[in-house]
Amino acid sequence: EIHVVHNHRMGPCKGRLVATRQGMRYETSDDSDSFYVALGDFESLEVDYLKKNLKLKIKKGRTFDFTDPEGNADHLFVFHRDVVKARERLLKGDPPATP
Protein backbone atom coordinates (compact mmCIF):
# COMPACT_ATOMS: atom_id res chain seq x y z
CA GLU A 1 0.00 0.00 0.00
CA ILE A 2 0.99 3.58 -0.57
CA HIS A 3 -0.40 6.98 0.43
CA VAL A 4 -1.25 8.95 -2.69
CA VAL A 5 -3.02 11.98 -4.07
CA HIS A 6 -5.56 11.14 -6.76
CA ASN A 7 -5.65 13.87 -9.38
CA HIS A 8 -8.97 14.26 -11.17
CA ARG A 9 -11.14 16.93 -12.78
CA MET A 10 -12.72 18.16 -9.57
CA GLY A 11 -9.36 18.64 -7.84
CA PRO A 12 -7.12 16.30 -5.93
CA CYS A 13 -8.03 14.05 -3.01
CA LYS A 14 -5.80 12.13 -0.63
CA GLY A 15 -6.09 8.43 0.09
CA ARG A 16 -4.37 5.06 -0.04
CA LEU A 17 -3.75 2.80 -3.01
CA VAL A 18 -3.76 -0.81 -1.81
CA ALA A 19 -2.70 -3.82 -3.88
CA THR A 20 -3.74 -7.34 -2.84
CA ARG A 21 -3.68 -10.73 -4.52
CA GLN A 22 -7.22 -10.07 -5.72
CA GLY A 23 -6.75 -6.59 -7.15
CA MET A 24 -6.22 -2.94 -6.36
CA ARG A 25 -8.37 -0.46 -4.48
CA TYR A 26 -8.24 3.23 -3.80
CA GLU A 27 -9.46 4.20 -0.33
CA THR A 28 -10.38 7.78 0.51
CA SER A 29 -12.79 9.60 2.80
CA ASP A 30 -15.03 10.48 -0.17
CA ASP A 31 -16.75 7.22 -1.15
CA SER A 32 -17.57 8.54 -4.63
CA ASP A 33 -13.83 8.64 -5.40
CA SER A 34 -13.05 5.18 -3.98
CA PHE A 35 -12.79 2.25 -6.37
CA TYR A 36 -11.71 -1.37 -6.71
CA VAL A 37 -10.36 -3.15 -9.78
CA ALA A 38 -9.71 -6.90 -9.98
CA LEU A 39 -6.20 -8.13 -10.71
CA GLY A 40 -6.97 -9.13 -14.29
CA ASP A 41 -9.11 -6.07 -15.06
CA PHE A 42 -6.49 -3.39 -15.29
CA GLU A 43 -4.77 -2.83 -18.58
CA SER A 44 -1.65 -1.10 -17.35
CA LEU A 45 0.12 0.41 -14.39
CA GLU A 46 2.82 2.88 -15.40
CA VAL A 47 5.10 5.16 -13.48
CA ASP A 48 6.57 8.36 -14.91
CA TYR A 49 9.45 9.04 -12.56
CA LEU A 50 10.24 12.52 -13.87
CA LYS A 51 6.62 13.67 -13.67
CA LYS A 52 6.22 11.87 -10.30
CA ASN A 53 3.05 10.22 -11.57
CA LEU A 54 1.57 6.73 -11.31
CA LYS A 55 -1.09 5.94 -13.93
CA LEU A 56 -3.58 3.07 -13.62
CA LYS A 57 -5.58 2.24 -16.74
CA ILE A 58 -8.56 -0.07 -16.43
CA LYS A 59 -9.48 -2.29 -19.40
CA LYS A 60 -12.14 -0.54 -21.50
CA GLY A 61 -12.48 1.99 -18.72
CA ARG A 62 -11.04 4.95 -16.94
CA THR A 63 -7.53 6.09 -16.28
CA PHE A 64 -6.48 7.19 -12.79
CA ASP A 65 -3.47 9.41 -12.04
CA PHE A 66 -1.76 9.43 -8.66
CA THR A 67 1.10 11.38 -7.12
CA ASP A 68 2.92 11.06 -3.82
CA PRO A 69 1.71 13.55 -1.17
CA GLU A 70 5.34 14.43 -0.39
CA GLY A 71 6.35 14.68 -4.05
CA ASN A 72 8.60 11.62 -3.73
CA ALA A 73 8.71 9.62 -6.97
CA ASP A 74 10.68 6.86 -5.20
CA HIS A 75 7.56 5.73 -3.32
CA LEU A 76 5.60 5.50 -6.57
CA PHE A 77 8.44 3.64 -8.30
CA VAL A 78 8.77 1.01 -5.56
CA PHE A 79 5.00 0.46 -5.38
CA HIS A 80 4.83 0.11 -9.17
CA ARG A 81 7.76 -2.30 -9.30
CA ASP A 82 6.35 -4.54 -6.58
CA VAL A 83 2.80 -4.60 -7.97
CA VAL A 84 3.90 -5.34 -11.54
CA LYS A 85 6.19 -8.15 -10.41
CA ALA A 86 3.53 -9.75 -8.18
CA ARG A 87 0.78 -9.32 -10.80
CA GLU A 88 2.87 -11.06 -13.47
CA ARG A 89 3.53 -14.01 -11.16
CA LEU A 90 -0.07 -14.32 -10.02
CA LEU A 91 -1.51 -14.12 -13.54
CA LYS A 92 0.86 -16.91 -14.60
CA GLY A 93 -0.35 -18.99 -11.66
CA ASP A 94 2.94 -18.90 -9.75
CA PRO A 95 2.70 -18.77 -5.98
CA PRO A 96 3.40 -15.35 -4.45
CA ALA A 97 6.93 -14.70 -3.21
CA THR A 98 7.47 -14.91 0.51
CA PRO A 99 9.55 -12.29 2.28
PDB file of N, CA and C in Angstrom:
ATOM      1  N   GLU A   1       0.840  -1.179   0.000  1.00  0.00           N
ATOM      2  CA  GLU A   1       0.000   0.000   0.000  1.00  0.00           C
ATOM      3  C   GLU A   1       0.877   1.232   0.000  1.00  0.00           C
ATOM      4  N   ILE A   2       0.271   2.321  -0.483  1.00  0.00           N
ATOM      5  CA  ILE A   2       0.990   3.584  -0.571  1.00  0.00           C
ATOM      6  C   ILE A   2      -0.010   4.722  -0.387  1.00  0.00           C
ATOM      7  N   HIS A   3       0.409   5.766   0.308  1.00  0.00           N
ATOM      8  CA  HIS A   3      -0.404   6.978   0.430  1.00  0.00           C
ATOM      9  C   HIS A   3      -0.199   7.784  -0.844  1.00  0.00           C
ATOM     10  N   VAL A   4      -1.310   8.250  -1.409  1.00  0.00           N
ATOM     11  CA  VAL A   4      -1.254   8.947  -2.689  1.00  0.00           C
ATOM     12  C   VAL A   4      -2.224  10.125  -2.703  1.00  0.00           C
ATOM     13  N   VAL A   5      -2.058  10.942  -3.727  1.00  0.00           N
ATOM     14  CA  VAL A   5      -3.017  11.981  -4.067  1.00  0.00           C
ATOM     15  C   VAL A   5      -3.573  11.599  -5.427  1.00  0.00           C
ATOM     16  N   HIS A   6      -4.893  11.466  -5.501  1.00  0.00           N
ATOM     17  CA  HIS A   6      -5.563  11.143  -6.758  1.00  0.00           C
ATOM     18  C   HIS A   6      -5.908  12.453  -7.439  1.00  0.00           C
ATOM     19  N   ASN A   7      -5.404  12.636  -8.631  1.00  0.00           N
ATOM     20  CA  ASN A   7      -5.647  13.871  -9.379  1.00  0.00           C
ATOM     21  C   ASN A   7      -6.764  13.633 -10.384  1.00  0.00           C
ATOM     22  N   HIS A   8      -7.848  14.383 -10.248  1.00  0.00           N
ATOM     23  CA  HIS A   8      -8.967  14.255 -11.172  1.00  0.00           C
ATOM     24  C   HIS A   8      -9.555  15.625 -11.454  1.00  0.00           C
ATOM     25  N   ARG A   9     -10.572  15.657 -12.299  1.00  0.00           N
ATOM     26  CA  ARG A   9     -11.144  16.929 -12.779  1.00  0.00           C
ATOM     27  C   ARG A   9     -11.610  17.863 -11.681  1.00  0.00           C
ATOM     28  N   MET A  10     -12.149  17.328 -10.627  1.00  0.00           N
ATOM     29  CA  MET A  10     -12.721  18.160  -9.567  1.00  0.00           C
ATOM     30  C   MET A  10     -11.695  18.509  -8.493  1.00  0.00           C
ATOM     31  N   GLY A  11     -10.416  18.358  -8.804  1.00  0.00           N
ATOM     32  CA  GLY A  11      -9.363  18.645  -7.841  1.00  0.00           C
ATOM     33  C   GLY A  11      -8.841  17.379  -7.203  1.00  0.00           C
ATOM     34  N   PRO A  12      -7.744  17.489  -6.504  1.00  0.00           N
ATOM     35  CA  PRO A  12      -7.117  16.301  -5.933  1.00  0.00           C
ATOM     36  C   PRO A  12      -7.769  15.859  -4.624  1.00  0.00           C
ATOM     37  N   CYS A  13      -7.603  14.565  -4.307  1.00  0.00           N
ATOM     38  CA  CYS A  13      -8.033  14.046  -3.010  1.00  0.00           C
ATOM     39  C   CYS A  13      -6.973  13.055  -2.520  1.00  0.00           C
ATOM     40  N   LYS A  14      -6.797  13.011  -1.217  1.00  0.00           N
ATOM     41  CA  LYS A  14      -5.795  12.134  -0.626  1.00  0.00           C
ATOM     42  C   LYS A  14      -6.424  10.809  -0.220  1.00  0.00           C
ATOM     43  N   GLY A  15      -5.615   9.750  -0.310  1.00  0.00           N
ATOM     44  CA  GLY A  15      -6.087   8.434   0.086  1.00  0.00           C
ATOM     45  C   GLY A  15      -4.957   7.424   0.059  1.00  0.00           C
ATOM     46  N   ARG A  16      -5.349   6.153   0.009  1.00  0.00           N
ATOM     47  CA  ARG A  16      -4.373   5.057  -0.043  1.00  0.00           C
ATOM     48  C   ARG A  16      -4.684   4.172  -1.241  1.00  0.00           C
ATOM     49  N   LEU A  17      -3.635   3.767  -1.931  1.00  0.00           N
ATOM     50  CA  LEU A  17      -3.749   2.799  -3.008  1.00  0.00           C
ATOM     51  C   LEU A  17      -3.224   1.490  -2.442  1.00  0.00           C
ATOM     52  N   VAL A  18      -4.082   0.468  -2.448  1.00  0.00           N
ATOM     53  CA  VAL A  18      -3.757  -0.814  -1.811  1.00  0.00           C
ATOM     54  C   VAL A  18      -3.817  -1.914  -2.853  1.00  0.00           C
ATOM     55  N   ALA A  19      -2.741  -2.674  -2.973  1.00  0.00           N
ATOM     56  CA  ALA A  19      -2.699  -3.821  -3.884  1.00  0.00           C
ATOM     57  C   ALA A  19      -2.751  -5.104  -3.062  1.00  0.00           C
ATOM     58  N   THR A  20      -3.624  -6.032  -3.480  1.00  0.00           N
ATOM     59  CA  THR A  20      -3.740  -7.337  -2.841  1.00  0.00           C
ATOM     60  C   THR A  20      -3.632  -8.407  -3.925  1.00  0.00           C
ATOM     61  N   ARG A  21      -3.703  -9.639  -3.538  1.00  0.00           N
ATOM     62  CA  ARG A  21      -3.682 -10.732  -4.516  1.00  0.00           C
ATOM     63  C   ARG A  21      -4.914 -10.717  -5.408  1.00  0.00           C
ATOM     64  N   GLN A  22      -5.989 -10.111  -4.947  1.00  0.00           N
ATOM     65  CA  GLN A  22      -7.220 -10.074  -5.718  1.00  0.00           C
ATOM     66  C   GLN A  22      -7.314  -8.880  -6.658  1.00  0.00           C
ATOM     67  N   GLY A  23      -6.660  -7.771  -6.312  1.00  0.00           N
ATOM     68  CA  GLY A  23      -6.751  -6.588  -7.155  1.00  0.00           C
ATOM     69  C   GLY A  23      -6.209  -5.359  -6.467  1.00  0.00           C
ATOM     70  N   MET A  24      -6.693  -4.210  -6.907  1.00  0.00           N
ATOM     71  CA  MET A  24      -6.224  -2.941  -6.362  1.00  0.00           C
ATOM     72  C   MET A  24      -7.421  -2.073  -6.001  1.00  0.00           C
ATOM     73  N   ARG A  25      -7.291  -1.365  -4.879  1.00  0.00           N
ATOM     74  CA  ARG A  25      -8.366  -0.463  -4.476  1.00  0.00           C
ATOM     75  C   ARG A  25      -7.773   0.874  -4.040  1.00  0.00           C
ATOM     76  N   TYR A  26      -8.585   1.899  -4.258  1.00  0.00           N
ATOM     77  CA  TYR A  26      -8.236   3.234  -3.799  1.00  0.00           C
ATOM     78  C   TYR A  26      -9.196   3.571  -2.684  1.00  0.00           C
ATOM     79  N   GLU A  27      -8.656   3.868  -1.512  1.00  0.00           N
ATOM     80  CA  GLU A  27      -9.459   4.201  -0.329  1.00  0.00           C
ATOM     81  C   GLU A  27      -9.282   5.671  -0.013  1.00  0.00           C
ATOM     82  N   THR A  28     -10.402   6.370   0.155  1.00  0.00           N
ATOM     83  CA  THR A  28     -10.377   7.777   0.505  1.00  0.00           C
ATOM     84  C   THR A  28     -11.631   8.098   1.312  1.00  0.00           C
ATOM     85  N   SER A  29     -11.637   9.244   1.959  1.00  0.00           N
ATOM     86  CA  SER A  29     -12.786   9.601   2.800  1.00  0.00           C
ATOM     87  C   SER A  29     -14.034   9.889   1.969  1.00  0.00           C
ATOM     88  N   ASP A  30     -13.887  10.232   0.710  1.00  0.00           N
ATOM     89  CA  ASP A  30     -15.028  10.481  -0.170  1.00  0.00           C
ATOM     90  C   ASP A  30     -15.336   9.195  -0.936  1.00  0.00           C
ATOM     91  N   ASP A  31     -16.408   8.510  -0.547  1.00  0.00           N
ATOM     92  CA  ASP A  31     -16.749   7.221  -1.151  1.00  0.00           C
ATOM     93  C   ASP A  31     -16.947   7.295  -2.665  1.00  0.00           C
ATOM     94  N   SER A  32     -17.345   8.441  -3.183  1.00  0.00           N
ATOM     95  CA  SER A  32     -17.565   8.544  -4.625  1.00  0.00           C
ATOM     96  C   SER A  32     -16.255   8.493  -5.411  1.00  0.00           C
ATOM     97  N   ASP A  33     -15.127   8.723  -4.747  1.00  0.00           N
ATOM     98  CA  ASP A  33     -13.826   8.645  -5.402  1.00  0.00           C
ATOM     99  C   ASP A  33     -13.144   7.298  -5.188  1.00  0.00           C
ATOM    100  N   SER A  34     -13.637   6.494  -4.255  1.00  0.00           N
ATOM    101  CA  SER A  34     -13.050   5.184  -3.983  1.00  0.00           C
ATOM    102  C   SER A  34     -13.388   4.223  -5.117  1.00  0.00           C
ATOM    103  N   PHE A  35     -12.500   3.253  -5.359  1.00  0.00           N
ATOM    104  CA  PHE A  35     -12.786   2.245  -6.373  1.00  0.00           C
ATOM    105  C   PHE A  35     -11.988   0.983  -6.093  1.00  0.00           C
ATOM    106  N   TYR A  36     -12.403  -0.084  -6.768  1.00  0.00           N
ATOM    107  CA  TYR A  36     -11.713  -1.375  -6.710  1.00  0.00           C
ATOM    108  C   TYR A  36     -11.635  -1.911  -8.129  1.00  0.00           C
ATOM    109  N   VAL A  37     -10.508  -2.498  -8.479  1.00  0.00           N
ATOM    110  CA  VAL A  37     -10.360  -3.154  -9.778  1.00  0.00           C
ATOM    111  C   VAL A  37      -9.686  -4.505  -9.545  1.00  0.00           C
ATOM    112  N   ALA A  38     -10.260  -5.552 -10.127  1.00  0.00           N
ATOM    113  CA  ALA A  38      -9.710  -6.903  -9.982  1.00  0.00           C
ATOM    114  C   ALA A  38      -8.355  -6.994 -10.669  1.00  0.00           C
ATOM    115  N   LEU A  39      -7.561  -7.941 -10.225  1.00  0.00           N
ATOM    116  CA  LEU A  39      -6.197  -8.127 -10.714  1.00  0.00           C
ATOM    117  C   LEU A  39      -6.116  -8.208 -12.237  1.00  0.00           C
ATOM    118  N   GLY A  40      -7.010  -8.962 -12.838  1.00  0.00           N
ATOM    119  CA  GLY A  40      -6.971  -9.128 -14.286  1.00  0.00           C
ATOM    120  C   GLY A  40      -7.697  -8.054 -15.067  1.00  0.00           C
ATOM    121  N   ASP A  41      -8.295  -7.070 -14.380  1.00  0.00           N
ATOM    122  CA  ASP A  41      -9.109  -6.074 -15.059  1.00  0.00           C
ATOM    123  C   ASP A  41      -8.416  -4.732 -15.279  1.00  0.00           C
ATOM    124  N   PHE A  42      -7.137  -4.641 -14.914  1.00  0.00           N
ATOM    125  CA  PHE A  42      -6.493  -3.393 -15.291  1.00  0.00           C
ATOM    126  C   PHE A  42      -5.520  -3.643 -16.420  1.00  0.00           C
ATOM    127  N   GLU A  43      -5.549  -2.709 -17.353  1.00  0.00           N
ATOM    128  CA  GLU A  43      -4.775  -2.829 -18.582  1.00  0.00           C
ATOM    129  C   GLU A  43      -3.299  -2.525 -18.340  1.00  0.00           C
ATOM    130  N   SER A  44      -3.043  -1.463 -17.582  1.00  0.00           N
ATOM    131  CA  SER A  44      -1.646  -1.105 -17.351  1.00  0.00           C
ATOM    132  C   SER A  44      -1.498  -0.314 -16.052  1.00  0.00           C
ATOM    133  N   LEU A  45      -0.301  -0.396 -15.534  1.00  0.00           N
ATOM    134  CA  LEU A  45       0.119   0.407 -14.394  1.00  0.00           C
ATOM    135  C   LEU A  45       1.484   0.946 -14.773  1.00  0.00           C
ATOM    136  N   GLU A  46       1.586   2.258 -14.928  1.00  0.00           N
ATOM    137  CA  GLU A  46       2.820   2.876 -15.403  1.00  0.00           C
ATOM    138  C   GLU A  46       3.260   3.962 -14.439  1.00  0.00           C
ATOM    139  N   VAL A  47       4.567   4.086 -14.301  1.00  0.00           N
ATOM    140  CA  VAL A  47       5.105   5.160 -13.482  1.00  0.00           C
ATOM    141  C   VAL A  47       5.949   6.068 -14.376  1.00  0.00           C
ATOM    142  N   ASP A  48       5.737   7.365 -14.234  1.00  0.00           N
ATOM    143  CA  ASP A  48       6.569   8.359 -14.907  1.00  0.00           C
ATOM    144  C   ASP A  48       7.372   9.035 -13.806  1.00  0.00           C
ATOM    145  N   TYR A  49       8.608   8.599 -13.675  1.00  0.00           N
ATOM    146  CA  TYR A  49       9.446   9.041 -12.561  1.00  0.00           C
ATOM    147  C   TYR A  49       9.672  10.551 -12.601  1.00  0.00           C
ATOM    148  N   LEU A  50       9.954  11.085 -13.768  1.00  0.00           N
ATOM    149  CA  LEU A  50      10.244  12.516 -13.872  1.00  0.00           C
ATOM    150  C   LEU A  50       9.028  13.380 -13.559  1.00  0.00           C
ATOM    151  N   LYS A  51       7.843  12.922 -13.959  1.00  0.00           N
ATOM    152  CA  LYS A  51       6.621  13.674 -13.669  1.00  0.00           C
ATOM    153  C   LYS A  51       6.044  13.318 -12.303  1.00  0.00           C
ATOM    154  N   LYS A  52       6.664  12.330 -11.632  1.00  0.00           N
ATOM    155  CA  LYS A  52       6.221  11.874 -10.303  1.00  0.00           C
ATOM    156  C   LYS A  52       4.756  11.471 -10.351  1.00  0.00           C
ATOM    157  N   ASN A  53       4.426  10.622 -11.329  1.00  0.00           N
ATOM    158  CA  ASN A  53       3.048  10.217 -11.572  1.00  0.00           C
ATOM    159  C   ASN A  53       2.945   8.704 -11.737  1.00  0.00           C
ATOM    160  N   LEU A  54       1.899   8.140 -11.151  1.00  0.00           N
ATOM    161  CA  LEU A  54       1.566   6.730 -11.307  1.00  0.00           C
ATOM    162  C   LEU A  54       0.207   6.674 -11.990  1.00  0.00           C
ATOM    163  N   LYS A  55       0.130   5.979 -13.139  1.00  0.00           N
ATOM    164  CA  LYS A  55      -1.093   5.939 -13.932  1.00  0.00           C
ATOM    165  C   LYS A  55      -1.621   4.512 -13.972  1.00  0.00           C
ATOM    166  N   LEU A  56      -2.884   4.352 -13.579  1.00  0.00           N
ATOM    167  CA  LEU A  56      -3.578   3.074 -13.619  1.00  0.00           C
ATOM    168  C   LEU A  56      -4.657   3.153 -14.687  1.00  0.00           C
ATOM    169  N   LYS A  57      -4.576   2.264 -15.678  1.00  0.00           N
ATOM    170  CA  LYS A  57      -5.579   2.240 -16.744  1.00  0.00           C
ATOM    171  C   LYS A  57      -6.358   0.942 -16.634  1.00  0.00           C
ATOM    172  N   ILE A  58      -7.672   1.082 -16.533  1.00  0.00           N
ATOM    173  CA  ILE A  58      -8.560  -0.066 -16.430  1.00  0.00           C
ATOM    174  C   ILE A  58      -8.995  -0.475 -17.833  1.00  0.00           C
ATOM    175  N   LYS A  59      -9.055  -1.799 -18.088  1.00  0.00           N
ATOM    176  CA  LYS A  59      -9.475  -2.289 -19.396  1.00  0.00           C
ATOM    177  C   LYS A  59     -10.830  -1.708 -19.767  1.00  0.00           C
ATOM    178  N   LYS A  60     -10.904  -1.132 -20.976  1.00  0.00           N
ATOM    179  CA  LYS A  60     -12.140  -0.539 -21.496  1.00  0.00           C
ATOM    180  C   LYS A  60     -12.773   0.428 -20.502  1.00  0.00           C
ATOM    181  N   GLY A  61     -11.938   1.101 -19.746  1.00  0.00           N
ATOM    182  CA  GLY A  61     -12.485   1.993 -18.722  1.00  0.00           C
ATOM    183  C   GLY A  61     -11.667   3.240 -18.533  1.00  0.00           C
ATOM    184  N   ARG A  62     -11.669   3.683 -17.312  1.00  0.00           N
ATOM    185  CA  ARG A  62     -11.044   4.950 -16.939  1.00  0.00           C
ATOM    186  C   ARG A  62      -9.549   4.819 -16.719  1.00  0.00           C
ATOM    187  N   THR A  63      -8.930   5.980 -16.636  1.00  0.00           N
ATOM    188  CA  THR A  63      -7.525   6.089 -16.279  1.00  0.00           C
ATOM    189  C   THR A  63      -7.449   6.934 -15.017  1.00  0.00           C
ATOM    190  N   PHE A  64      -6.637   6.490 -14.062  1.00  0.00           N
ATOM    191  CA  PHE A  64      -6.482   7.190 -12.793  1.00  0.00           C
ATOM    192  C   PHE A  64      -5.033   7.629 -12.648  1.00  0.00           C
ATOM    193  N   ASP A  65      -4.813   8.871 -12.257  1.00  0.00           N
ATOM    194  CA  ASP A  65      -3.471   9.413 -12.035  1.00  0.00           C
ATOM    195  C   ASP A  65      -3.266   9.683 -10.558  1.00  0.00           C
ATOM    196  N   PHE A  66      -2.097   9.256 -10.060  1.00  0.00           N
ATOM    197  CA  PHE A  66      -1.756   9.426  -8.656  1.00  0.00           C
ATOM    198  C   PHE A  66      -0.369  10.048  -8.525  1.00  0.00           C
ATOM    199  N   THR A  67      -0.206  10.839  -7.479  1.00  0.00           N
ATOM    200  CA  THR A  67       1.103  11.376  -7.120  1.00  0.00           C
ATOM    201  C   THR A  67       1.345  11.073  -5.647  1.00  0.00           C
ATOM    202  N   ASP A  68       2.571  11.243  -5.218  1.00  0.00           N
ATOM    203  CA  ASP A  68       2.922  11.059  -3.815  1.00  0.00           C
ATOM    204  C   ASP A  68       2.648  12.368  -3.079  1.00  0.00           C
ATOM    205  N   PRO A  69       2.023  12.312  -1.888  1.00  0.00           N
ATOM    206  CA  PRO A  69       1.708  13.551  -1.168  1.00  0.00           C
ATOM    207  C   PRO A  69       2.942  14.370  -0.808  1.00  0.00           C
ATOM    208  N   GLU A  70       4.089  13.724  -0.720  1.00  0.00           N
ATOM    209  CA  GLU A  70       5.335  14.428  -0.394  1.00  0.00           C
ATOM    210  C   GLU A  70       6.151  14.754  -1.636  1.00  0.00           C
ATOM    211  N   GLY A  71       5.625  14.414  -2.813  1.00  0.00           N
ATOM    212  CA  GLY A  71       6.346  14.678  -4.054  1.00  0.00           C
ATOM    213  C   GLY A  71       7.525  13.753  -4.267  1.00  0.00           C
ATOM    214  N   ASN A  72       7.489  12.559  -3.657  1.00  0.00           N
ATOM    215  CA  ASN A  72       8.597  11.620  -3.735  1.00  0.00           C
ATOM    216  C   ASN A  72       8.291  10.530  -4.765  1.00  0.00           C
ATOM    217  N   ALA A  73       8.942  10.601  -5.908  1.00  0.00           N
ATOM    218  CA  ALA A  73       8.714   9.618  -6.965  1.00  0.00           C
ATOM    219  C   ALA A  73       9.228   8.235  -6.574  1.00  0.00           C
ATOM    220  N   ASP A  74      10.153   8.162  -5.627  1.00  0.00           N
ATOM    221  CA  ASP A  74      10.683   6.859  -5.204  1.00  0.00           C
ATOM    222  C   ASP A  74       9.580   5.959  -4.658  1.00  0.00           C
ATOM    223  N   HIS A  75       8.654   6.526  -3.878  1.00  0.00           N
ATOM    224  CA  HIS A  75       7.558   5.732  -3.317  1.00  0.00           C
ATOM    225  C   HIS A  75       6.694   5.146  -4.436  1.00  0.00           C
ATOM    226  N   LEU A  76       6.403   5.963  -5.440  1.00  0.00           N
ATOM    227  CA  LEU A  76       5.603   5.503  -6.574  1.00  0.00           C
ATOM    228  C   LEU A  76       6.338   4.417  -7.345  1.00  0.00           C
ATOM    229  N   PHE A  77       7.637   4.604  -7.546  1.00  0.00           N
ATOM    230  CA  PHE A  77       8.443   3.644  -8.295  1.00  0.00           C
ATOM    231  C   PHE A  77       8.469   2.285  -7.605  1.00  0.00           C
ATOM    232  N   VAL A  78       8.699   2.270  -6.309  1.00  0.00           N
ATOM    233  CA  VAL A  78       8.775   1.009  -5.555  1.00  0.00           C
ATOM    234  C   VAL A  78       7.423   0.304  -5.556  1.00  0.00           C
ATOM    235  N   PHE A  79       6.330   1.046  -5.345  1.00  0.00           N
ATOM    236  CA  PHE A  79       4.997   0.460  -5.377  1.00  0.00           C
ATOM    237  C   PHE A  79       4.738  -0.159  -6.750  1.00  0.00           C
ATOM    238  N   HIS A  80       5.019   0.587  -7.798  1.00  0.00           N
ATOM    239  CA  HIS A  80       4.834   0.112  -9.172  1.00  0.00           C
ATOM    240  C   HIS A  80       5.629  -1.163  -9.418  1.00  0.00           C
ATOM    241  N   ARG A  81       6.888  -1.148  -9.076  1.00  0.00           N
ATOM    242  CA  ARG A  81       7.761  -2.302  -9.296  1.00  0.00           C
ATOM    243  C   ARG A  81       7.207  -3.544  -8.605  1.00  0.00           C
ATOM    244  N   ASP A  82       6.834  -3.401  -7.347  1.00  0.00           N
ATOM    245  CA  ASP A  82       6.350  -4.539  -6.576  1.00  0.00           C
ATOM    246  C   ASP A  82       5.019  -5.069  -7.098  1.00  0.00           C
ATOM    247  N   VAL A  83       4.108  -4.177  -7.461  1.00  0.00           N
ATOM    248  CA  VAL A  83       2.797  -4.596  -7.968  1.00  0.00           C
ATOM    249  C   VAL A  83       2.943  -5.298  -9.314  1.00  0.00           C
ATOM    250  N   VAL A  84       3.732  -4.739 -10.212  1.00  0.00           N
ATOM    251  CA  VAL A  84       3.903  -5.341 -11.541  1.00  0.00           C
ATOM    252  C   VAL A  84       4.527  -6.732 -11.416  1.00  0.00           C
ATOM    253  N   LYS A  85       5.531  -6.858 -10.594  1.00  0.00           N
ATOM    254  CA  LYS A  85       6.188  -8.152 -10.414  1.00  0.00           C
ATOM    255  C   LYS A  85       5.217  -9.188  -9.835  1.00  0.00           C
ATOM    256  N   ALA A  86       4.482  -8.822  -8.803  1.00  0.00           N
ATOM    257  CA  ALA A  86       3.528  -9.746  -8.182  1.00  0.00           C
ATOM    258  C   ALA A  86       2.390 -10.084  -9.141  1.00  0.00           C
ATOM    259  N   ARG A  87       1.891  -9.099  -9.857  1.00  0.00           N
ATOM    260  CA  ARG A  87       0.784  -9.324 -10.798  1.00  0.00           C
ATOM    261  C   ARG A  87       1.186 -10.303 -11.887  1.00  0.00           C
ATOM    262  N   GLU A  88       2.384 -10.149 -12.433  1.00  0.00           N
ATOM    263  CA  GLU A  88       2.865 -11.064 -13.467  1.00  0.00           C
ATOM    264  C   GLU A  88       2.932 -12.494 -12.946  1.00  0.00           C
ATOM    265  N   ARG A  89       3.437 -12.662 -11.747  1.00  0.00           N
ATOM    266  CA  ARG A  89       3.532 -14.006 -11.164  1.00  0.00           C
ATOM    267  C   ARG A  89       2.158 -14.594 -10.906  1.00  0.00           C
ATOM    268  N   LEU A  90       1.256 -13.813 -10.344  1.00  0.00           N
ATOM    269  CA  LEU A  90      -0.075 -14.318 -10.021  1.00  0.00           C
ATOM    270  C   LEU A  90      -0.882 -14.660 -11.268  1.00  0.00           C
ATOM    271  N   LEU A  91      -0.779 -13.846 -12.319  1.00  0.00           N
ATOM    272  CA  LEU A  91      -1.505 -14.118 -13.544  1.00  0.00           C
ATOM    273  C   LEU A  91      -0.980 -15.363 -14.243  1.00  0.00           C
ATOM    274  N   LYS A  92       0.289 -15.684 -14.043  1.00  0.00           N
ATOM    275  CA  LYS A  92       0.861 -16.909 -14.600  1.00  0.00           C
ATOM    276  C   LYS A  92       0.515 -18.121 -13.746  1.00  0.00           C
ATOM    277  N   GLY A  93      -0.002 -17.884 -12.549  1.00  0.00           N
ATOM    278  CA  GLY A  93      -0.346 -18.990 -11.660  1.00  0.00           C
ATOM    279  C   GLY A  93       0.750 -19.382 -10.702  1.00  0.00           C
ATOM    280  N   ASP A  94       1.848 -18.624 -10.678  1.00  0.00           N
ATOM    281  CA  ASP A  94       2.943 -18.899  -9.752  1.00  0.00           C
ATOM    282  C   ASP A  94       2.520 -18.491  -8.344  1.00  0.00           C
ATOM    283  N   PRO A  95       2.999 -19.187  -7.338  1.00  0.00           N
ATOM    284  CA  PRO A  95       2.699 -18.774  -5.975  1.00  0.00           C
ATOM    285  C   PRO A  95       3.378 -17.451  -5.664  1.00  0.00           C
ATOM    286  N   PRO A  96       2.786 -16.643  -4.794  1.00  0.00           N
ATOM    287  CA  PRO A  96       3.401 -15.354  -4.449  1.00  0.00           C
ATOM    288  C   PRO A  96       4.718 -15.577  -3.713  1.00  0.00           C
ATOM    289  N   ALA A  97       5.627 -14.638  -3.895  1.00  0.00           N
ATOM    290  CA  ALA A  97       6.926 -14.704  -3.211  1.00  0.00           C
ATOM    291  C   ALA A  97       6.726 -14.470  -1.726  1.00  0.00           C
ATOM    292  N   THR A  98       7.515 -15.136  -0.932  1.00  0.00           N
ATOM    293  CA  THR A  98       7.465 -14.909   0.514  1.00  0.00           C
ATOM    294  C   THR A  98       8.655 -14.089   0.929  1.00  0.00           C
ATOM    295  N   PRO A  99       8.445 -13.158   1.860  1.00  0.00           N
ATOM    296  CA  PRO A  99       9.553 -12.288   2.276  1.00  0.00           C
ATOM    297  C   PRO A  99      10.602 -13.043   3.054  1.00  0.00           C
TER     298      PRO A  99
END
